[in-house]
Amino acid sequence: VDEPSKSSEYTTEEDNISDSSNLGSTIDNQILWILLWIMTFRIRFNITETATESLIKFMKLVLTEIGRDDFRDFPNSMYLTRKKLGLKDHFHSFVS
């Protein structure tokens, strides 16, 4: 005799949908945390933009190998990292 599990007695379809959306936001939070760590590391150790971009690309490779599709939205450039973190470059060029 198949009896429903105790947890399924109290679970609705909306709960299942919200659980999957929470998973997406958890992955986004993990991505943001990793990106913030990389940018903080860059500032702390005065790493060049080229080296930071290489680190970002390497992290994307590692995360996609480990997490497969979960980390497909991880940026692979400094431009996309800044965009994802909402950072703006306030560099002004003065040409005479």
PDB file of N, CA and C in Angstrom:
ATOM      1  N   VAL A   1       0.855  -1.171   0.000  1.00  0.00           N
ATOM      2  CA  VAL A   1       0.000   0.000   0.000  1.00  0.00           C
ATOM      3  C   VAL A   1       0.900   1.231   0.000  1.00  0.00           C
ATOM      4  N   ASP A   2       0.724   2.056  -1.018  1.00  0.00           N
ATOM      5  CA  ASP A   2       1.518   3.278  -1.133  1.00  0.00           C
ATOM      6  C   ASP A   2       0.859   4.394  -0.352  1.00  0.00           C
ATOM      7  N   GLU A   3       1.514   4.821   0.696  1.00  0.00           N
ATOM      8  CA  GLU A   3       1.021   5.948   1.469  1.00  0.00           C
ATOM      9  C   GLU A   3       1.885   7.158   1.163  1.00  0.00           C
ATOM     10  N   PRO A   4       1.271   8.309   1.036  1.00  0.00           N
ATOM     11  CA  PRO A   4       2.078   9.505   0.786  1.00  0.00           C
ATOM     12  C   PRO A   4       2.974   9.796   1.987  1.00  0.00           C
ATOM     13  N   SER A   5       4.144  10.319   1.717  1.00  0.00           N
ATOM     14  CA  SER A   5       5.050  10.664   2.812  1.00  0.00           C
ATOM     15  C   SER A   5       4.475  11.845   3.584  1.00  0.00           C
ATOM     16  N   LYS A   6       4.921  11.968   4.823  1.00  0.00           N
ATOM     17  CA  LYS A   6       4.424  13.055   5.676  1.00  0.00           C
ATOM     18  C   LYS A   6       4.703  14.423   5.054  1.00  0.00           C
ATOM     19  N   SER A   7       5.875  14.583   4.446  1.00  0.00           N
ATOM     20  CA  SER A   7       6.193  15.894   3.878  1.00  0.00           C
ATOM     21  C   SER A   7       5.322  16.208   2.670  1.00  0.00           C
ATOM     22  N   SER A   8       4.955  15.189   1.880  1.00  0.00           N
ATOM     23  CA  SER A   8       4.139  15.460   0.701  1.00  0.00           C
ATOM     24  C   SER A   8       2.698  15.788   1.064  1.00  0.00           C
ATOM     25  N   GLU A   9       2.274  15.401   2.268  1.00  0.00           N
ATOM     26  CA  GLU A   9       0.920  15.739   2.690  1.00  0.00           C
ATOM     27  C   GLU A   9       0.749  17.247   2.823  1.00  0.00           C
ATOM     28  N   TYR A  10       1.823  17.933   3.124  1.00  0.00           N
ATOM     29  CA  TYR A  10       1.753  19.364   3.393  1.00  0.00           C
ATOM     30  C   TYR A  10       2.383  20.200   2.291  1.00  0.00           C
ATOM     31  N   THR A  11       2.691  19.581   1.190  1.00  0.00           N
ATOM     32  CA  THR A  11       3.349  20.278   0.098  1.00  0.00           C
ATOM     33  C   THR A  11       2.363  20.517  -1.032  1.00  0.00           C
ATOM     34  N   THR A  12       2.376  21.728  -1.543  1.00  0.00           N
ATOM     35  CA  THR A  12       1.522  22.058  -2.679  1.00  0.00           C
ATOM     36  C   THR A  12       2.385  22.246  -3.915  1.00  0.00           C
ATOM     37  N   GLU A  13       1.743  22.364  -5.053  1.00  0.00           N
ATOM     38  CA  GLU A  13       2.471  22.605  -6.298  1.00  0.00           C
ATOM     39  C   GLU A  13       3.215  23.933  -6.234  1.00  0.00           C
ATOM     40  N   GLU A  14       2.622  24.936  -5.581  1.00  0.00           N
ATOM     41  CA  GLU A  14       3.289  26.227  -5.445  1.00  0.00           C
ATOM     42  C   GLU A  14       4.567  26.110  -4.624  1.00  0.00           C
ATOM     43  N   ASP A  15       4.555  25.238  -3.605  1.00  0.00           N
ATOM     44  CA  ASP A  15       5.764  25.018  -2.812  1.00  0.00           C
ATOM     45  C   ASP A  15       6.874  24.438  -3.676  1.00  0.00           C
ATOM     46  N   ASN A  16       6.530  23.503  -4.548  1.00  0.00           N
ATOM     47  CA  ASN A  16       7.529  22.899  -5.427  1.00  0.00           C
ATOM     48  C   ASN A  16       8.114  23.932  -6.373  1.00  0.00           C
ATOM     49  N   ILE A  17       7.281  24.836  -6.884  1.00  0.00           N
ATOM     50  CA  ILE A  17       7.758  25.882  -7.788  1.00  0.00           C
ATOM     51  C   ILE A  17       8.665  26.846  -7.032  1.00  0.00           C
ATOM     52  N   SER A  18       8.264  27.249  -5.822  1.00  0.00           N
ATOM     53  CA  SER A  18       9.089  28.194  -5.068  1.00  0.00           C
ATOM     54  C   SER A  18      10.407  27.560  -4.654  1.00  0.00           C
ATOM     55  N   ASP A  19      10.419  26.249  -4.395  1.00  0.00           N
ATOM     56  CA  ASP A  19      11.676  25.574  -4.069  1.00  0.00           C
ATOM     57  C   ASP A  19      12.647  25.654  -5.231  1.00  0.00           C
ATOM     58  N   SER A  20      12.161  25.475  -6.456  1.00  0.00           N
ATOM     59  CA  SER A  20      13.058  25.534  -7.610  1.00  0.00           C
ATOM     60  C   SER A  20      13.509  26.965  -7.875  1.00  0.00           C
ATOM     61  N   SER A  21      12.660  27.963  -7.595  1.00  0.00           N
ATOM     62  CA  SER A  21      13.099  29.346  -7.779  1.00  0.00           C
ATOM     63  C   SER A  21      14.095  29.736  -6.700  1.00  0.00           C
ATOM     64  N   ASN A  22      13.956  29.189  -5.488  1.00  0.00           N
ATOM     65  CA  ASN A  22      14.936  29.438  -4.431  1.00  0.00           C
ATOM     66  C   ASN A  22      16.293  28.865  -4.802  1.00  0.00           C
ATOM     67  N   LEU A  23      16.299  27.732  -5.489  1.00  0.00           N
ATOM     68  CA  LEU A  23      17.551  27.136  -5.940  1.00  0.00           C
ATOM     69  C   LEU A  23      18.261  28.087  -6.892  1.00  0.00           C
ATOM     70  N   GLY A  24      17.503  28.706  -7.808  1.00  0.00           N
ATOM     71  CA  GLY A  24      18.088  29.665  -8.741  1.00  0.00           C
ATOM     72  C   GLY A  24      18.666  30.866  -8.021  1.00  0.00           C
ATOM     73  N   SER A  25      17.952  31.381  -7.028  1.00  0.00           N
ATOM     74  CA  SER A  25      18.469  32.538  -6.298  1.00  0.00           C
ATOM     75  C   SER A  25      19.671  32.146  -5.446  1.00  0.00           C
ATOM     76  N   THR A  26      19.712  30.903  -4.965  1.00  0.00           N
ATOM     77  CA  THR A  26      20.874  30.428  -4.219  1.00  0.00           C
ATOM     78  C   THR A  26      22.097  30.388  -5.115  1.00  0.00           C
ATOM     79  N   ILE A  27      21.936  29.899  -6.337  1.00  0.00           N
ATOM     80  CA  ILE A  27      23.040  29.861  -7.302  1.00  0.00           C
ATOM     81  C   ILE A  27      23.485  31.286  -7.617  1.00  0.00           C
ATOM     82  N   ASP A  28      22.530  32.198  -7.829  1.00  0.00           N
ATOM     83  CA  ASP A  28      22.877  33.601  -8.094  1.00  0.00           C
ATOM     84  C   ASP A  28      23.667  34.196  -6.928  1.00  0.00           C
ATOM     85  N   ASN A  29      23.246  33.894  -5.703  1.00  0.00           N
ATOM     86  CA  ASN A  29      23.967  34.393  -4.530  1.00  0.00           C
ATOM     87  C   ASN A  29      25.378  33.822  -4.470  1.00  0.00           C
ATOM     88  N   GLN A  30      25.519  32.549  -4.836  1.00  0.00           N
ATOM     89  CA  GLN A  30      26.855  31.941  -4.854  1.00  0.00           C
ATOM     90  C   GLN A  30      27.729  32.603  -5.913  1.00  0.00           C
ATOM     91  N   ILE A  31      27.153  32.861  -7.069  1.00  0.00           N
ATOM     92  CA  ILE A  31      27.899  33.538  -8.140  1.00  0.00           C
ATOM     93  C   ILE A  31      28.335  34.921  -7.674  1.00  0.00           C
ATOM     94  N   LEU A  32      27.416  35.678  -7.086  1.00  0.00           N
ATOM     95  CA  LEU A  32      27.751  37.026  -6.608  1.00  0.00           C
ATOM     96  C   LEU A  32      28.834  36.984  -5.536  1.00  0.00           C
ATOM     97  N   TRP A  33      28.748  36.009  -4.630  1.00  0.00           N
ATOM     98  CA  TRP A  33      29.747  35.890  -3.571  1.00  0.00           C
ATOM     99  C   TRP A  33      31.124  35.623  -4.165  1.00  0.00           C
ATOM    100  N   ILE A  34      31.205  34.719  -5.127  1.00  0.00           N
ATOM    101  CA  ILE A  34      32.484  34.396  -5.774  1.00  0.00           C
ATOM    102  C   ILE A  34      33.038  35.621  -6.497  1.00  0.00           C
ATOM    103  N   LEU A  35      32.180  36.326  -7.219  1.00  0.00           N
ATOM    104  CA  LEU A  35      32.629  37.522  -7.943  1.00  0.00           C
ATOM    105  C   LEU A  35      33.114  38.607  -6.986  1.00  0.00           C
ATOM    106  N   LEU A  36      32.400  38.801  -5.892  1.00  0.00           N
ATOM    107  CA  LEU A  36      32.834  39.790  -4.900  1.00  0.00           C
ATOM    108  C   LEU A  36      34.183  39.399  -4.302  1.00  0.00           C
ATOM    109  N   TRP A  37      34.369  38.106  -4.049  1.00  0.00           N
ATOM    110  CA  TRP A  37      35.645  37.642  -3.516  1.00  0.00           C
ATOM    111  C   TRP A  37      36.771  37.920  -4.512  1.00  0.00           C
ATOM    112  N   ILE A  38      36.539  37.627  -5.783  1.00  0.00           N
ATOM    113  CA  ILE A  38      37.556  37.866  -6.813  1.00  0.00           C
ATOM    114  C   ILE A  38      37.902  39.352  -6.885  1.00  0.00           C
ATOM    115  N   MET A  39      36.891  40.205  -6.876  1.00  0.00           N
ATOM    116  CA  MET A  39      37.143  41.643  -6.978  1.00  0.00           C
ATOM    117  C   MET A  39      37.856  42.173  -5.723  1.00  0.00           C
ATOM    118  N   THR A  40      37.501  41.661  -4.550  1.00  0.00           N
ATOM    119  CA  THR A  40      38.180  42.050  -3.316  1.00  0.00           C
ATOM    120  C   THR A  40      39.632  41.578  -3.336  1.00  0.00           C
ATOM    121  N   PHE A  41      39.854  40.362  -3.810  1.00  0.00           N
ATOM    122  CA  PHE A  41      41.202  39.809  -3.954  1.00  0.00           C
ATOM    123  C   PHE A  41      42.029  40.679  -4.893  1.00  0.00           C
ATOM    124  N   ARG A  42      41.399  41.114  -5.975  1.00  0.00           N
ATOM    125  CA  ARG A  42      42.076  41.972  -6.963  1.00  0.00           C
ATOM    126  C   ARG A  42      42.546  43.279  -6.323  1.00  0.00           C
ATOM    127  N   ILE A  43      41.656  43.895  -5.563  1.00  0.00           N
ATOM    128  CA  ILE A  43      41.988  45.166  -4.919  1.00  0.00           C
ATOM    129  C   ILE A  43      43.055  44.964  -3.841  1.00  0.00           C
ATOM    130  N   ARG A  44      42.871  43.937  -3.019  1.00  0.00           N
ATOM    131  CA  ARG A  44      43.784  43.689  -1.891  1.00  0.00           C
ATOM    132  C   ARG A  44      45.214  43.447  -2.358  1.00  0.00           C
ATOM    133  N   PHE A  45      45.374  42.698  -3.445  1.00  0.00           N
ATOM    134  CA  PHE A  45      46.706  42.326  -3.910  1.00  0.00           C
ATOM    135  C   PHE A  45      47.132  43.071  -5.175  1.00  0.00           C
ATOM    136  N   ASN A  46      46.373  44.096  -5.539  1.00  0.00           N
ATOM    137  CA  ASN A  46      46.711  44.957  -6.671  1.00  0.00           C
ATOM    138  C   ASN A  46      47.001  44.145  -7.942  1.00  0.00           C
ATOM    139  N   ILE A  47      46.076  43.285  -8.290  1.00  0.00           N
ATOM    140  CA  ILE A  47      46.226  42.407  -9.452  1.00  0.00           C
ATOM    141  C   ILE A  47      45.724  43.138 -10.696  1.00  0.00           C
ATOM    142  N   THR A  48      46.400  42.940 -11.798  1.00  0.00           N
ATOM    143  CA  THR A  48      46.025  43.613 -13.040  1.00  0.00           C
ATOM    144  C   THR A  48      44.670  43.118 -13.541  1.00  0.00           C
ATOM    145  N   GLU A  49      44.084  43.918 -14.414  1.00  0.00           N
ATOM    146  CA  GLU A  49      42.797  43.546 -15.000  1.00  0.00           C
ATOM    147  C   GLU A  49      42.918  42.273 -15.839  1.00  0.00           C
ATOM    148  N   THR A  50      44.028  42.126 -16.552  1.00  0.00           N
ATOM    149  CA  THR A  50      44.240  40.935 -17.378  1.00  0.00           C
ATOM    150  C   THR A  50      44.315  39.678 -16.514  1.00  0.00           C
ATOM    151  N   ALA A  51      45.042  39.750 -15.396  1.00  0.00           N
ATOM    152  CA  ALA A  51      45.148  38.606 -14.487  1.00  0.00           C
ATOM    153  C   ALA A  51      43.793  38.294 -13.852  1.00  0.00           C
ATOM    154  N   THR A  52      43.046  39.332 -13.502  1.00  0.00           N
ATOM    155  CA  THR A  52      41.719  39.134 -12.910  1.00  0.00           C
ATOM    156  C   THR A  52      40.782  38.479 -13.912  1.00  0.00           C
ATOM    157  N   GLU A  53      40.847  38.903 -15.155  1.00  0.00           N
ATOM    158  CA  GLU A  53      40.005  38.304 -16.189  1.00  0.00           C
ATOM    159  C   GLU A  53      40.357  36.828 -16.379  1.00  0.00           C
ATOM    160  N   SER A  54      41.637  36.499 -16.318  1.00  0.00           N
ATOM    161  CA  SER A  54      42.056  35.095 -16.412  1.00  0.00           C
ATOM    162  C   SER A  54      41.509  34.291 -15.237  1.00  0.00           C
ATOM    163  N   LEU A  55      41.534  34.878 -14.042  1.00  0.00           N
ATOM    164  CA  LEU A  55      40.989  34.212 -12.859  1.00  0.00           C
ATOM    165  C   LEU A  55      39.486  33.982 -13.008  1.00  0.00           C
ATOM    166  N   ILE A  56      38.774  34.964 -13.523  1.00  0.00           N
ATOM    167  CA  ILE A  56      37.328  34.836 -13.739  1.00  0.00           C
ATOM    168  C   ILE A  56      37.039  33.721 -14.741  1.00  0.00           C
ATOM    169  N   LYS A  57      37.786  33.686 -15.833  1.00  0.00           N
ATOM    170  CA  LYS A  57      37.590  32.635 -16.843  1.00  0.00           C
ATOM    171  C   LYS A  57      37.903  31.258 -16.272  1.00  0.00           C
ATOM    172  N   PHE A  58      38.958  31.169 -15.455  1.00  0.00           N
ATOM    173  CA  PHE A  58      39.306  29.899 -14.830  1.00  0.00           C
ATOM    174  C   PHE A  58      38.199  29.448 -13.878  1.00  0.00           C
ATOM    175  N   MET A  59      37.677  30.376 -13.073  1.00  0.00           N
ATOM    176  CA  MET A  59      36.590  30.033 -12.144  1.00  0.00           C
ATOM    177  C   MET A  59      35.360  29.548 -12.897  1.00  0.00           C
ATOM    178  N   LYS A  60      35.039  30.188 -14.025  1.00  0.00           N
ATOM    179  CA  LYS A  60      33.896  29.740 -14.822  1.00  0.00           C
ATOM    180  C   LYS A  60      34.126  28.315 -15.302  1.00  0.00           C
ATOM    181  N   LEU A  61      35.329  28.018 -15.769  1.00  0.00           N
ATOM    182  CA  LEU A  61      35.659  26.674 -16.231  1.00  0.00           C
ATOM    183  C   LEU A  61      35.504  25.658 -15.105  1.00  0.00           C
ATOM    184  N   VAL A  62      36.051  25.961 -13.940  1.00  0.00           N
ATOM    185  CA  VAL A  62      35.955  25.053 -12.793  1.00  0.00           C
ATOM    186  C   VAL A  62      34.499  24.858 -12.381  1.00  0.00           C
ATOM    187  N   LEU A  63      33.759  25.951 -12.257  1.00  0.00           N
ATOM    188  CA  LEU A  63      32.367  25.862 -11.805  1.00  0.00           C
ATOM    189  C   LEU A  63      31.485  25.114 -12.795  1.00  0.00           C
ATOM    190  N   THR A  64      31.704  25.304 -14.082  1.00  0.00           N
ATOM    191  CA  THR A  64      30.881  24.587 -15.061  1.00  0.00           C
ATOM    192  C   THR A  64      31.252  23.111 -15.107  1.00  0.00           C
ATOM    193  N   GLU A  65      32.504  22.775 -14.811  1.00  0.00           N
ATOM    194  CA  GLU A  65      32.892  21.361 -14.737  1.00  0.00           C
ATOM    195  C   GLU A  65      32.272  20.699 -13.514  1.00  0.00           C
ATOM    196  N   ILE A  66      32.262  21.415 -12.396  1.00  0.00           N
ATOM    197  CA  ILE A  66      31.736  20.855 -11.149  1.00  0.00           C
ATOM    198  C   ILE A  66      30.213  20.934 -11.110  1.00  0.00           C
ATOM    199  N   GLY A  67      29.677  22.116 -11.391  1.00  0.00           N
ATOM    200  CA  GLY A  67      28.250  22.344 -11.227  1.00  0.00           C
ATOM    201  C   GLY A  67      27.441  22.228 -12.498  1.00  0.00           C
ATOM    202  N   ARG A  68      28.113  21.952 -13.600  1.00  0.00           N
ATOM    203  CA  ARG A  68      27.462  21.832 -14.907  1.00  0.00           C
ATOM    204  C   ARG A  68      26.637  23.080 -15.220  1.00  0.00           C
ATOM    205  N   ASP A  69      25.351  22.909 -15.472  1.00  0.00           N
ATOM    206  CA  ASP A  69      24.506  24.011 -15.936  1.00  0.00           C
ATOM    207  C   ASP A  69      24.162  25.028 -14.849  1.00  0.00           C
ATOM    208  N   ASP A  70      24.364  24.669 -13.580  1.00  0.00           N
ATOM    209  CA  ASP A  70      24.020  25.603 -12.504  1.00  0.00           C
ATOM    210  C   ASP A  70      24.778  26.921 -12.624  1.00  0.00           C
ATOM    211  N   PHE A  71      25.999  26.867 -13.153  1.00  0.00           N
ATOM    212  CA  PHE A  71      26.835  28.060 -13.210  1.00  0.00           C
ATOM    213  C   PHE A  71      27.025  28.572 -14.630  1.00  0.00           C
ATOM    214  N   ARG A  72      26.102  28.268 -15.509  1.00  0.00           N
ATOM    215  CA  ARG A  72      26.230  28.723 -16.904  1.00  0.00           C
ATOM    216  C   ARG A  72      26.151  30.247 -17.015  1.00  0.00           C
ATOM    217  N   ASP A  73      25.541  30.916 -16.031  1.00  0.00           N
ATOM    218  CA  ASP A  73      25.422  32.375 -16.050  1.00  0.00           C
ATOM    219  C   ASP A  73      26.622  33.076 -15.418  1.00  0.00           C
ATOM    220  N   PHE A  74      27.611  32.319 -14.969  1.00  0.00           N
ATOM    221  CA  PHE A  74      28.810  32.931 -14.396  1.00  0.00           C
ATOM    222  C   PHE A  74      29.516  33.706 -15.500  1.00  0.00           C
ATOM    223  N   PRO A  75      29.838  34.971 -15.259  1.00  0.00           N
ATOM    224  CA  PRO A  75      30.454  35.781 -16.323  1.00  0.00           C
ATOM    225  C   PRO A  75      31.849  35.273 -16.682  1.00  0.00           C
ATOM    226  N   ASN A  76      32.274  35.583 -17.906  1.00  0.00           N
ATOM    227  CA  ASN A  76      33.602  35.144 -18.334  1.00  0.00           C
ATOM    228  C   ASN A  76      34.480  36.321 -18.755  1.00  0.00           C
ATOM    229  N   SER A  77      34.146  37.517 -18.270  1.00  0.00           N
ATOM    230  CA  SER A  77      34.962  38.692 -18.575  1.00  0.00           C
ATOM    231  C   SER A  77      34.790  39.729 -17.466  1.00  0.00           C
ATOM    232  N   MET A  78      35.716  40.675 -17.422  1.00  0.00           N
ATOM    233  CA  MET A  78      35.621  41.768 -16.449  1.00  0.00           C
ATOM    234  C   MET A  78      34.392  42.624 -16.731  1.00  0.00           C
ATOM    235  N   TYR A  79      34.115  42.853 -18.014  1.00  0.00           N
ATOM    236  CA  TYR A  79      32.953  43.661 -18.383  1.00  0.00           C
ATOM    237  C   TYR A  79      31.672  43.047 -17.818  1.00  0.00           C
ATOM    238  N   LEU A  80      31.478  41.739 -18.041  1.00  0.00           N
ATOM    239  CA  LEU A  80      30.266  41.071 -17.557  1.00  0.00           C
ATOM    240  C   LEU A  80      30.245  40.977 -16.032  1.00  0.00           C
ATOM    241  N   THR A  81      31.419  40.849 -15.420  1.00  0.00           N
ATOM    242  CA  THR A  81      31.497  40.828 -13.956  1.00  0.00           C
ATOM    243  C   THR A  81      31.054  42.168 -13.387  1.00  0.00           C
ATOM    244  N   ARG A  82      31.587  43.246 -13.953  1.00  0.00           N
ATOM    245  CA  ARG A  82      31.181  44.583 -13.487  1.00  0.00           C
ATOM    246  C   ARG A  82      29.684  44.796 -13.689  1.00  0.00           C
ATOM    247  N   LYS A  83      29.183  44.343 -14.818  1.00  0.00           N
ATOM    248  CA  LYS A  83      27.754  44.493 -15.118  1.00  0.00           C
ATOM    249  C   LYS A  83      26.913  43.702 -14.116  1.00  0.00           C
ATOM    250  N   LYS A  84      27.313  42.463 -13.820  1.00  0.00           N
ATOM    251  CA  LYS A  84      26.566  41.612 -12.887  1.00  0.00           C
ATOM    252  C   LYS A  84      26.581  42.202 -11.477  1.00  0.00           C
ATOM    253  N   LEU A  85      27.708  42.797 -11.090  1.00  0.00           N
ATOM    254  CA  LEU A  85      27.822  43.388  -9.754  1.00  0.00           C
ATOM    255  C   LEU A  85      27.289  44.816  -9.693  1.00  0.00           C
ATOM    256  N   GLY A  86      26.959  45.383 -10.848  1.00  0.00           N
ATOM    257  CA  GLY A  86      26.447  46.752 -10.884  1.00  0.00           C
ATOM    258  C   GLY A  86      27.529  47.790 -10.659  1.00  0.00           C
ATOM    259  N   LEU A  87      28.764  47.456 -11.023  1.00  0.00           N
ATOM    260  CA  LEU A  87      29.881  48.392 -10.863  1.00  0.00           C
ATOM    261  C   LEU A  87      30.041  49.214 -12.126  1.00  0.00           C
ATOM    262  N   LYS A  88      30.319  50.484 -11.945  1.00  0.00           N
ATOM    263  CA  LYS A  88      30.535  51.364 -13.095  1.00  0.00           C
ATOM    264  C   LYS A  88      31.970  51.847 -13.069  1.00  0.00           C
ATOM    265  N   ASP A  89      32.525  51.995 -14.240  1.00  0.00           N
ATOM    266  CA  ASP A  89      33.885  52.513 -14.368  1.00  0.00           C
ATOM    267  C   ASP A  89      33.790  54.024 -14.515  1.00  0.00           C
ATOM    268  N   HIS A  90      34.302  54.746 -13.534  1.00  0.00           N
ATOM    269  CA  HIS A  90      34.237  56.207 -13.553  1.00  0.00           C
ATOM    270  C   HIS A  90      35.537  56.813 -14.061  1.00  0.00           C
ATOM    271  N   PHE A  91      36.240  56.080 -14.890  1.00  0.00           N
ATOM    272  CA  PHE A  91      37.494  56.546 -15.464  1.00  0.00           C
ATOM    273  C   PHE A  91      37.187  57.565 -16.551  1.00  0.00           C
ATOM    274  N   HIS A  92      37.833  58.704 -16.463  1.00  0.00           N
ATOM    275  CA  HIS A  92      37.661  59.742 -17.476  1.00  0.00           C
ATOM    276  C   HIS A  92      38.982  59.940 -18.199  1.00  0.00           C
ATOM    277  N   SER A  93      38.910  60.020 -19.485  1.00  0.00           N
ATOM    278  CA  SER A  93      40.108  60.251 -20.284  1.00  0.00           C
ATOM    279  C   SER A  93      40.185  61.736 -20.613  1.00  0.00           C
ATOM    280  N   PHE A  94      41.317  62.330 -20.315  1.00  0.00           N
ATOM    281  CA  PHE A  94      41.517  63.740 -20.616  1.00  0.00           C
ATOM    282  C   PHE A  94      42.522  63.848 -21.753  1.00  0.00           C
ATOM    283  N   VAL A  95      42.039  64.288 -22.879  1.00  0.00           N
ATOM    284  CA  VAL A  95      42.891  64.422 -24.060  1.00  0.00           C
ATOM    285  C   VAL A  95      43.008  65.904 -24.374  1.00  0.00           C
ATOM    286  N   SER A  96      44.239  66.360 -24.592  1.00  0.00           N
ATOM    287  CA  SER A  96      44.409  67.782 -24.899  1.00  0.00           C
ATOM    288  C   SER A  96      44.638  67.995 -26.370  1.00  0.00           C
TER     289      SER A  96
END
